[in-house]
């Protein structure tokens, strides 16, 4: 079995990128299978330069859970708003 450092290196992502993705997935889905599927979608969106468009960041931005969000909320000016800001891969 590969060490965690080797697994991170093999992923093609930085430790910071993986930590951010894990944090998003932790809030976005509760089941491992769902998290894996969502992660695939989100990594693809990053690769093509698309905003992630996930609701999981909004409890941190405005204190509302995902079931309370409005279209106006999705326009909130914040560096953590994944609807108006694209994720970037540092150093690539």
PDB file of N, CA and C in Angstrom:
ATOM      1  N   UNK A   1       0.845  -1.182   0.000  1.00  0.00           N
ATOM      2  CA  UNK A   1       0.000   0.000   0.000  1.00  0.00           C
ATOM      3  C   UNK A   1       0.889   1.242   0.000  1.00  0.00           C
ATOM      4  N   UNK A   2       0.500   2.227  -0.785  1.00  0.00           N
ATOM      5  CA  UNK A   2       1.260   3.473  -0.881  1.00  0.00           C
ATOM      6  C   UNK A   2       1.085   4.329   0.366  1.00  0.00           C
ATOM      7  N   UNK A   3       2.144   5.022   0.739  1.00  0.00           N
ATOM      8  CA  UNK A   3       2.020   5.972   1.843  1.00  0.00           C
ATOM      9  C   UNK A   3       1.119   7.122   1.402  1.00  0.00           C
ATOM     10  N   UNK A   4       0.617   7.855   2.365  1.00  0.00           N
ATOM     11  CA  UNK A   4      -0.286   8.969   2.051  1.00  0.00           C
ATOM     12  C   UNK A   4       0.425  10.007   1.182  1.00  0.00           C
ATOM     13  N   UNK A   5       1.707  10.258   1.441  1.00  0.00           N
ATOM     14  CA  UNK A   5       2.454  11.218   0.635  1.00  0.00           C
ATOM     15  C   UNK A   5       2.546  10.759  -0.820  1.00  0.00           C
ATOM     16  N   UNK A   6       2.744   9.467  -1.033  1.00  0.00           N
ATOM     17  CA  UNK A   6       2.824   8.932  -2.397  1.00  0.00           C
ATOM     18  C   UNK A   6       1.460   8.972  -3.077  1.00  0.00           C
ATOM     19  N   UNK A   7       0.403   8.742  -2.311  1.00  0.00           N
ATOM     20  CA  UNK A   7      -0.945   8.816  -2.866  1.00  0.00           C
ATOM     21  C   UNK A   7      -1.272  10.246  -3.296  1.00  0.00           C
ATOM     22  N   UNK A   8      -0.867  11.219  -2.472  1.00  0.00           N
ATOM     23  CA  UNK A   8      -1.090  12.627  -2.816  1.00  0.00           C
ATOM     24  C   UNK A   8      -0.325  12.965  -4.079  1.00  0.00           C
ATOM     25  N   UNK A   9       0.938  12.584  -4.147  1.00  0.00           N
ATOM     26  CA  UNK A   9       1.756  12.869  -5.328  1.00  0.00           C
ATOM     27  C   UNK A   9       1.165  12.211  -6.575  1.00  0.00           C
ATOM     28  N   UNK A  10       0.687  10.986  -6.430  1.00  0.00           N
ATOM     29  CA  UNK A  10       0.114  10.257  -7.566  1.00  0.00           C
ATOM     30  C   UNK A  10      -1.206  10.855  -8.040  1.00  0.00           C
ATOM     31  N   UNK A  11      -1.882  11.592  -7.166  1.00  0.00           N
ATOM     32  CA  UNK A  11      -3.187  12.156  -7.529  1.00  0.00           C
ATOM     33  C   UNK A  11      -3.075  13.274  -8.554  1.00  0.00           C
ATOM     34  N   UNK A  12      -1.912  13.926  -8.603  1.00  0.00           N
ATOM     35  CA  UNK A  12      -1.754  15.067  -9.502  1.00  0.00           C
ATOM     36  C   UNK A  12      -2.272  16.364  -8.906  1.00  0.00           C
ATOM     37  N   UNK A  13      -2.662  16.327  -7.647  1.00  0.00           N
ATOM     38  CA  UNK A  13      -3.190  17.502  -6.950  1.00  0.00           C
ATOM     39  C   UNK A  13      -2.298  17.819  -5.762  1.00  0.00           C
ATOM     40  N   UNK A  14      -2.306  19.071  -5.369  1.00  0.00           N
ATOM     41  CA  UNK A  14      -1.533  19.455  -4.197  1.00  0.00           C
ATOM     42  C   UNK A  14      -2.286  19.040  -2.936  1.00  0.00           C
ATOM     43  N   UNK A  15      -1.569  19.015  -1.837  1.00  0.00           N
ATOM     44  CA  UNK A  15      -2.202  18.695  -0.560  1.00  0.00           C
ATOM     45  C   UNK A  15      -3.282  19.723  -0.237  1.00  0.00           C
ATOM     46  N   UNK A  16      -3.022  20.998  -0.539  1.00  0.00           N
ATOM     47  CA  UNK A  16      -4.029  22.042  -0.299  1.00  0.00           C
ATOM     48  C   UNK A  16      -5.278  21.823  -1.144  1.00  0.00           C
ATOM     49  N   UNK A  17      -5.090  21.474  -2.417  1.00  0.00           N
ATOM     50  CA  UNK A  17      -6.247  21.222  -3.287  1.00  0.00           C
ATOM     51  C   UNK A  17      -7.088  20.065  -2.751  1.00  0.00           C
ATOM     52  N   UNK A  18      -6.420  19.020  -2.313  1.00  0.00           N
ATOM     53  CA  UNK A  18      -7.134  17.858  -1.785  1.00  0.00           C
ATOM     54  C   UNK A  18      -7.860  18.184  -0.489  1.00  0.00           C
ATOM     55  N   UNK A  19      -7.249  19.005   0.344  1.00  0.00           N
ATOM     56  CA  UNK A  19      -7.885  19.400   1.598  1.00  0.00           C
ATOM     57  C   UNK A  19      -9.140  20.236   1.341  1.00  0.00           C
ATOM     58  N   UNK A  20      -9.048  21.174   0.404  1.00  0.00           N
ATOM     59  CA  UNK A  20     -10.219  21.995   0.062  1.00  0.00           C
ATOM     60  C   UNK A  20     -11.322  21.115  -0.517  1.00  0.00           C
ATOM     61  N   UNK A  21     -10.956  20.220  -1.429  1.00  0.00           N
ATOM     62  CA  UNK A  21     -11.960  19.329  -2.023  1.00  0.00           C
ATOM     63  C   UNK A  21     -12.613  18.466  -0.947  1.00  0.00           C
ATOM     64  N   UNK A  22     -11.815  17.921  -0.039  1.00  0.00           N
ATOM     65  CA  UNK A  22     -12.369  17.084   1.029  1.00  0.00           C
ATOM     66  C   UNK A  22     -13.318  17.881   1.913  1.00  0.00           C
ATOM     67  N   UNK A  23     -12.981  19.122   2.180  1.00  0.00           N
ATOM     68  CA  UNK A  23     -13.840  19.975   3.003  1.00  0.00           C
ATOM     69  C   UNK A  23     -15.174  20.234   2.331  1.00  0.00           C
ATOM     70  N   UNK A  24     -15.128  20.501   1.037  1.00  0.00           N
ATOM     71  CA  UNK A  24     -16.366  20.713   0.278  1.00  0.00           C
ATOM     72  C   UNK A  24     -17.205  19.438   0.268  1.00  0.00           C
ATOM     73  N   UNK A  25     -16.567  18.319  -0.023  1.00  0.00           N
ATOM     74  CA  UNK A  25     -17.286  17.052  -0.110  1.00  0.00           C
ATOM     75  C   UNK A  25     -17.895  16.641   1.225  1.00  0.00           C
ATOM     76  N   UNK A  26     -17.220  16.964   2.314  1.00  0.00           N
ATOM     77  CA  UNK A  26     -17.720  16.635   3.652  1.00  0.00           C
ATOM     78  C   UNK A  26     -19.092  17.258   3.895  1.00  0.00           C
ATOM     79  N   UNK A  27     -19.279  18.479   3.401  1.00  0.00           N
ATOM     80  CA  UNK A  27     -20.559  19.174   3.575  1.00  0.00           C
ATOM     81  C   UNK A  27     -21.557  18.843   2.468  1.00  0.00           C
ATOM     82  N   UNK A  28     -21.044  18.504   1.297  1.00  0.00           N
ATOM     83  CA  UNK A  28     -21.899  18.319   0.119  1.00  0.00           C
ATOM     84  C   UNK A  28     -22.623  16.966   0.129  1.00  0.00           C
ATOM     85  N   UNK A  29     -21.997  15.930   0.678  1.00  0.00           N
ATOM     86  CA  UNK A  29     -22.601  14.591   0.655  1.00  0.00           C
ATOM     87  C   UNK A  29     -22.184  13.808   1.899  1.00  0.00           C
ATOM     88  N   UNK A  30     -23.014  12.869   2.297  1.00  0.00           N
ATOM     89  CA  UNK A  30     -22.706  12.103   3.511  1.00  0.00           C
ATOM     90  C   UNK A  30     -22.178  10.698   3.223  1.00  0.00           C
ATOM     91  N   UNK A  31     -22.448  10.167   2.044  1.00  0.00           N
ATOM     92  CA  UNK A  31     -22.021   8.805   1.715  1.00  0.00           C
ATOM     93  C   UNK A  31     -20.768   8.822   0.846  1.00  0.00           C
ATOM     94  N   UNK A  32     -19.866   7.887   1.111  1.00  0.00           N
ATOM     95  CA  UNK A  32     -18.602   7.812   0.383  1.00  0.00           C
ATOM     96  C   UNK A  32     -18.829   7.703  -1.121  1.00  0.00           C
ATOM     97  N   UNK A  33     -19.743   6.874  -1.531  1.00  0.00           N
ATOM     98  CA  UNK A  33     -20.024   6.682  -2.967  1.00  0.00           C
ATOM     99  C   UNK A  33     -20.462   8.004  -3.609  1.00  0.00           C
ATOM    100  N   UNK A  34     -21.319   8.752  -2.926  1.00  0.00           N
ATOM    101  CA  UNK A  34     -21.767  10.051  -3.435  1.00  0.00           C
ATOM    102  C   UNK A  34     -20.605  11.036  -3.497  1.00  0.00           C
ATOM    103  N   UNK A  35     -19.768  11.037  -2.473  1.00  0.00           N
ATOM    104  CA  UNK A  35     -18.612  11.937  -2.448  1.00  0.00           C
ATOM    105  C   UNK A  35     -17.669  11.638  -3.598  1.00  0.00           C
ATOM    106  N   UNK A  36     -17.465  10.361  -3.887  1.00  0.00           N
ATOM    107  CA  UNK A  36     -16.589   9.981  -4.999  1.00  0.00           C
ATOM    108  C   UNK A  36     -17.145  10.494  -6.331  1.00  0.00           C
ATOM    109  N   UNK A  37     -18.434  10.330  -6.525  1.00  0.00           N
ATOM    110  CA  UNK A  37     -19.063  10.787  -7.761  1.00  0.00           C
ATOM    111  C   UNK A  37     -18.982  12.313  -7.878  1.00  0.00           C
ATOM    112  N   UNK A  38     -19.309  13.008  -6.796  1.00  0.00           N
ATOM    113  CA  UNK A  38     -19.270  14.473  -6.806  1.00  0.00           C
ATOM    114  C   UNK A  38     -17.841  14.966  -7.017  1.00  0.00           C
ATOM    115  N   UNK A  39     -16.880  14.311  -6.396  1.00  0.00           N
ATOM    116  CA  UNK A  39     -15.474  14.704  -6.576  1.00  0.00           C
ATOM    117  C   UNK A  39     -15.080  14.615  -8.041  1.00  0.00           C
ATOM    118  N   UNK A  40     -15.500  13.569  -8.709  1.00  0.00           N
ATOM    119  CA  UNK A  40     -15.188  13.434 -10.135  1.00  0.00           C
ATOM    120  C   UNK A  40     -15.748  14.583 -10.947  1.00  0.00           C
ATOM    121  N   UNK A  41     -16.984  14.965 -10.642  1.00  0.00           N
ATOM    122  CA  UNK A  41     -17.624  16.093 -11.335  1.00  0.00           C
ATOM    123  C   UNK A  41     -16.864  17.389 -11.044  1.00  0.00           C
ATOM    124  N   UNK A  42     -16.517  17.608  -9.773  1.00  0.00           N
ATOM    125  CA  UNK A  42     -15.851  18.853  -9.398  1.00  0.00           C
ATOM    126  C   UNK A  42     -14.440  18.947  -9.981  1.00  0.00           C
ATOM    127  N   UNK A  43     -13.672  17.842  -9.958  1.00  0.00           N
ATOM    128  CA  UNK A  43     -12.331  17.876 -10.577  1.00  0.00           C
ATOM    129  C   UNK A  43     -12.451  18.167 -12.072  1.00  0.00           C
ATOM    130  N   UNK A  44     -13.473  17.621 -12.710  1.00  0.00           N
ATOM    131  CA  UNK A  44     -13.685  17.899 -14.142  1.00  0.00           C
ATOM    132  C   UNK A  44     -14.001  19.373 -14.357  1.00  0.00           C
ATOM    133  N   UNK A  45     -14.846  19.943 -13.525  1.00  0.00           N
ATOM    134  CA  UNK A  45     -15.172  21.366 -13.652  1.00  0.00           C
ATOM    135  C   UNK A  45     -13.918  22.224 -13.491  1.00  0.00           C
ATOM    136  N   UNK A  46     -13.067  21.879 -12.542  1.00  0.00           N
ATOM    137  CA  UNK A  46     -11.809  22.611 -12.373  1.00  0.00           C
ATOM    138  C   UNK A  46     -10.960  22.493 -13.636  1.00  0.00           C
ATOM    139  N   UNK A  47     -10.865  21.289 -14.166  1.00  0.00           N
ATOM    140  CA  UNK A  47     -10.028  21.040 -15.349  1.00  0.00           C
ATOM    141  C   UNK A  47     -10.473  21.850 -16.562  1.00  0.00           C
ATOM    142  N   UNK A  48     -11.788  22.082 -16.684  1.00  0.00           N
ATOM    143  CA  UNK A  48     -12.277  22.823 -17.853  1.00  0.00           C
ATOM    144  C   UNK A  48     -12.495  24.303 -17.551  1.00  0.00           C
ATOM    145  N   UNK A  49     -12.124  24.731 -16.340  1.00  0.00           N
ATOM    146  CA  UNK A  49     -12.233  26.148 -15.992  1.00  0.00           C
ATOM    147  C   UNK A  49     -13.637  26.610 -15.656  1.00  0.00           C
ATOM    148  N   UNK A  50     -14.458  25.693 -15.226  1.00  0.00           N
ATOM    149  CA  UNK A  50     -15.850  26.002 -14.887  1.00  0.00           C
ATOM    150  C   UNK A  50     -15.974  26.259 -13.389  1.00  0.00           C
ATOM    151  N   UNK A  51     -16.856  27.170 -12.966  1.00  0.00           N
ATOM    152  CA  UNK A  51     -17.098  27.316 -11.524  1.00  0.00           C
ATOM    153  C   UNK A  51     -17.606  25.999 -10.932  1.00  0.00           C
ATOM    154  N   UNK A  52     -17.254  25.724  -9.692  1.00  0.00           N
ATOM    155  CA  UNK A  52     -17.681  24.472  -9.055  1.00  0.00           C
ATOM    156  C   UNK A  52     -19.183  24.430  -8.828  1.00  0.00           C
ATOM    157  N   UNK A  53     -19.779  25.563  -8.510  1.00  0.00           N
ATOM    158  CA  UNK A  53     -21.224  25.673  -8.290  1.00  0.00           C
ATOM    159  C   UNK A  53     -21.735  24.664  -7.251  1.00  0.00           C
ATOM    160  N   UNK A  54     -21.117  24.717  -6.076  1.00  0.00           N
ATOM    161  CA  UNK A  54     -21.587  23.886  -4.963  1.00  0.00           C
ATOM    162  C   UNK A  54     -22.146  24.785  -3.862  1.00  0.00           C
ATOM    163  N   UNK A  55     -23.148  24.288  -3.192  1.00  0.00           N
ATOM    164  CA  UNK A  55     -23.814  25.051  -2.137  1.00  0.00           C
ATOM    165  C   UNK A  55     -23.124  24.908  -0.778  1.00  0.00           C
ATOM    166  N   UNK A  56     -22.237  23.943  -0.651  1.00  0.00           N
ATOM    167  CA  UNK A  56     -21.648  23.605   0.644  1.00  0.00           C
ATOM    168  C   UNK A  56     -20.852  24.738   1.281  1.00  0.00           C
ATOM    169  N   UNK A  57     -20.452  25.727   0.523  1.00  0.00           N
ATOM    170  CA  UNK A  57     -19.668  26.836   1.090  1.00  0.00           C
ATOM    171  C   UNK A  57     -20.544  27.918   1.721  1.00  0.00           C
ATOM    172  N   UNK A  58     -21.814  27.934   1.417  1.00  0.00           N
ATOM    173  CA  UNK A  58     -22.678  29.022   1.873  1.00  0.00           C
ATOM    174  C   UNK A  58     -22.931  29.070   3.383  1.00  0.00           C
ATOM    175  N   UNK A  59     -22.952  27.951   4.088  1.00  0.00           N
ATOM    176  CA  UNK A  59     -23.057  28.085   5.546  1.00  0.00           C
ATOM    177  C   UNK A  59     -21.895  28.897   6.132  1.00  0.00           C
ATOM    178  N   UNK A  60     -20.733  28.830   5.511  1.00  0.00           N
ATOM    179  CA  UNK A  60     -19.569  29.592   5.976  1.00  0.00           C
ATOM    180  C   UNK A  60     -19.640  31.049   5.535  1.00  0.00           C
ATOM    181  N   UNK A  61     -20.244  31.291   4.378  1.00  0.00           N
ATOM    182  CA  UNK A  61     -20.296  32.647   3.814  1.00  0.00           C
ATOM    183  C   UNK A  61     -21.384  33.480   4.485  1.00  0.00           C
ATOM    184  N   UNK A  62     -22.610  32.943   4.505  1.00  0.00           N
ATOM    185  CA  UNK A  62     -23.746  33.747   4.988  1.00  0.00           C
ATOM    186  C   UNK A  62     -24.528  33.078   6.114  1.00  0.00           C
ATOM    187  N   UNK A  63     -24.091  31.896   6.532  1.00  0.00           N
ATOM    188  CA  UNK A  63     -24.746  31.246   7.655  1.00  0.00           C
ATOM    189  C   UNK A  63     -26.041  30.530   7.332  1.00  0.00           C
ATOM    190  N   UNK A  64     -26.368  30.401   6.048  1.00  0.00           N
ATOM    191  CA  UNK A  64     -27.586  29.681   5.652  1.00  0.00           C
ATOM    192  C   UNK A  64     -27.212  28.279   5.199  1.00  0.00           C
ATOM    193  N   UNK A  65     -28.068  27.313   5.521  1.00  0.00           N
ATOM    194  CA  UNK A  65     -27.804  25.978   4.988  1.00  0.00           C
ATOM    195  C   UNK A  65     -28.315  25.902   3.548  1.00  0.00           C
ATOM    196  N   UNK A  66     -27.964  24.850   2.882  1.00  0.00           N
ATOM    197  CA  UNK A  66     -28.253  24.742   1.454  1.00  0.00           C
ATOM    198  C   UNK A  66     -29.739  24.718   1.129  1.00  0.00           C
ATOM    199  N   UNK A  67     -30.574  24.370   2.086  1.00  0.00           N
ATOM    200  CA  UNK A  67     -32.013  24.319   1.828  1.00  0.00           C
ATOM    201  C   UNK A  67     -32.667  25.695   1.942  1.00  0.00           C
ATOM    202  N   UNK A  68     -31.926  26.688   2.454  1.00  0.00           N
ATOM    203  CA  UNK A  68     -32.455  28.035   2.628  1.00  0.00           C
ATOM    204  C   UNK A  68     -31.974  29.015   1.568  1.00  0.00           C
ATOM    205  N   UNK A  69     -31.098  28.598   0.677  1.00  0.00           N
ATOM    206  CA  UNK A  69     -30.485  29.521  -0.280  1.00  0.00           C
ATOM    207  C   UNK A  69     -31.477  30.049  -1.307  1.00  0.00           C
ATOM    208  N   UNK A  70     -31.281  31.309  -1.654  1.00  0.00           N
ATOM    209  CA  UNK A  70     -32.070  31.944  -2.712  1.00  0.00           C
ATOM    210  C   UNK A  70     -31.150  32.259  -3.877  1.00  0.00           C
ATOM    211  N   UNK A  71     -31.729  32.642  -5.005  1.00  0.00           N
ATOM    212  CA  UNK A  71     -30.906  33.047  -6.153  1.00  0.00           C
ATOM    213  C   UNK A  71     -30.054  34.264  -5.807  1.00  0.00           C
ATOM    214  N   UNK A  72     -30.559  35.145  -4.972  1.00  0.00           N
ATOM    215  CA  UNK A  72     -29.787  36.307  -4.521  1.00  0.00           C
ATOM    216  C   UNK A  72     -28.581  35.865  -3.699  1.00  0.00           C
ATOM    217  N   UNK A  73     -28.766  34.866  -2.861  1.00  0.00           N
ATOM    218  CA  UNK A  73     -27.663  34.347  -2.048  1.00  0.00           C
ATOM    219  C   UNK A  73     -26.518  33.853  -2.930  1.00  0.00           C
ATOM    220  N   UNK A  74     -26.870  33.245  -4.047  1.00  0.00           N
ATOM    221  CA  UNK A  74     -25.855  32.692  -4.944  1.00  0.00           C
ATOM    222  C   UNK A  74     -25.005  33.780  -5.596  1.00  0.00           C
ATOM    223  N   UNK A  75     -25.422  35.021  -5.484  1.00  0.00           N
ATOM    224  CA  UNK A  75     -24.683  36.158  -6.040  1.00  0.00           C
ATOM    225  C   UNK A  75     -23.837  36.863  -4.978  1.00  0.00           C
ATOM    226  N   UNK A  76     -23.825  36.353  -3.755  1.00  0.00           N
ATOM    227  CA  UNK A  76     -23.096  36.976  -2.647  1.00  0.00           C
ATOM    228  C   UNK A  76     -21.616  37.131  -2.993  1.00  0.00           C
ATOM    229  N   UNK A  77     -21.102  38.340  -2.790  1.00  0.00           N
ATOM    230  CA  UNK A  77     -19.703  38.622  -3.072  1.00  0.00           C
ATOM    231  C   UNK A  77     -18.820  38.046  -1.964  1.00  0.00           C
ATOM    232  N   UNK A  78     -18.138  36.968  -2.265  1.00  0.00           N
ATOM    233  CA  UNK A  78     -17.233  36.318  -1.322  1.00  0.00           C
ATOM    234  C   UNK A  78     -16.219  35.508  -2.118  1.00  0.00           C
ATOM    235  N   UNK A  79     -14.981  35.450  -1.661  1.00  0.00           N
ATOM    236  CA  UNK A  79     -14.007  34.607  -2.362  1.00  0.00           C
ATOM    237  C   UNK A  79     -14.362  33.123  -2.287  1.00  0.00           C
ATOM    238  N   UNK A  80     -15.273  32.761  -1.385  1.00  0.00           N
ATOM    239  CA  UNK A  80     -15.669  31.364  -1.222  1.00  0.00           C
ATOM    240  C   UNK A  80     -16.949  31.011  -1.978  1.00  0.00           C
ATOM    241  N   UNK A  81     -17.496  31.968  -2.714  1.00  0.00           N
ATOM    242  CA  UNK A  81     -18.703  31.708  -3.501  1.00  0.00           C
ATOM    243  C   UNK A  81     -18.304  30.951  -4.756  1.00  0.00           C
ATOM    244  N   UNK A  82     -18.654  29.683  -4.798  1.00  0.00           N
ATOM    245  CA  UNK A  82     -18.256  28.827  -5.912  1.00  0.00           C
ATOM    246  C   UNK A  82     -19.155  28.979  -7.139  1.00  0.00           C
ATOM    247  N   UNK A  83     -20.108  29.889  -7.052  1.00  0.00           N
ATOM    248  CA  UNK A  83     -20.939  30.197  -8.219  1.00  0.00           C
ATOM    249  C   UNK A  83     -20.350  31.348  -9.021  1.00  0.00           C
ATOM    250  N   UNK A  84     -19.696  32.287  -8.351  1.00  0.00           N
ATOM    251  CA  UNK A  84     -19.155  33.450  -9.066  1.00  0.00           C
ATOM    252  C   UNK A  84     -17.632  33.415  -9.187  1.00  0.00           C
ATOM    253  N   UNK A  85     -16.975  32.504  -8.482  1.00  0.00           N
ATOM    254  CA  UNK A  85     -15.517  32.383  -8.564  1.00  0.00           C
ATOM    255  C   UNK A  85     -15.138  30.995  -9.049  1.00  0.00           C
ATOM    256  N   UNK A  86     -14.224  30.961  -9.982  1.00  0.00           N
ATOM    257  CA  UNK A  86     -13.720  29.680 -10.462  1.00  0.00           C
ATOM    258  C   UNK A  86     -12.611  29.205  -9.535  1.00  0.00           C
ATOM    259  N   UNK A  87     -12.524  27.902  -9.393  1.00  0.00           N
ATOM    260  CA  UNK A  87     -11.401  27.328  -8.638  1.00  0.00           C
ATOM    261  C   UNK A  87     -10.174  27.411  -9.532  1.00  0.00           C
ATOM    262  N   UNK A  88      -9.048  27.649  -8.933  1.00  0.00           N
ATOM    263  CA  UNK A  88      -7.824  27.664  -9.721  1.00  0.00           C
ATOM    264  C   UNK A  88      -6.860  26.667  -9.126  1.00  0.00           C
ATOM    265  N   UNK A  89      -6.074  26.111  -9.986  1.00  0.00           N
ATOM    266  CA  UNK A  89      -5.060  25.163  -9.548  1.00  0.00           C
ATOM    267  C   UNK A  89      -3.759  25.926  -9.460  1.00  0.00           C
ATOM    268  N   UNK A  90      -3.284  26.098  -8.269  1.00  0.00           N
ATOM    269  CA  UNK A  90      -2.062  26.871  -8.052  1.00  0.00           C
ATOM    270  C   UNK A  90      -0.867  26.181  -8.665  1.00  0.00           C
ATOM    271  N   UNK A  91      -0.028  27.007  -9.287  1.00  0.00           N
ATOM    272  CA  UNK A  91       1.228  26.481  -9.825  1.00  0.00           C
ATOM    273  C   UNK A  91       1.070  25.636 -11.057  1.00  0.00           C
ATOM    274  N   UNK A  92      -0.088  25.738 -11.721  1.00  0.00           N
ATOM    275  CA  UNK A  92      -0.290  24.917 -12.939  1.00  0.00           C
ATOM    276  C   UNK A  92      -0.834  25.756 -14.051  1.00  0.00           C
TER     277      UNK A  92
END
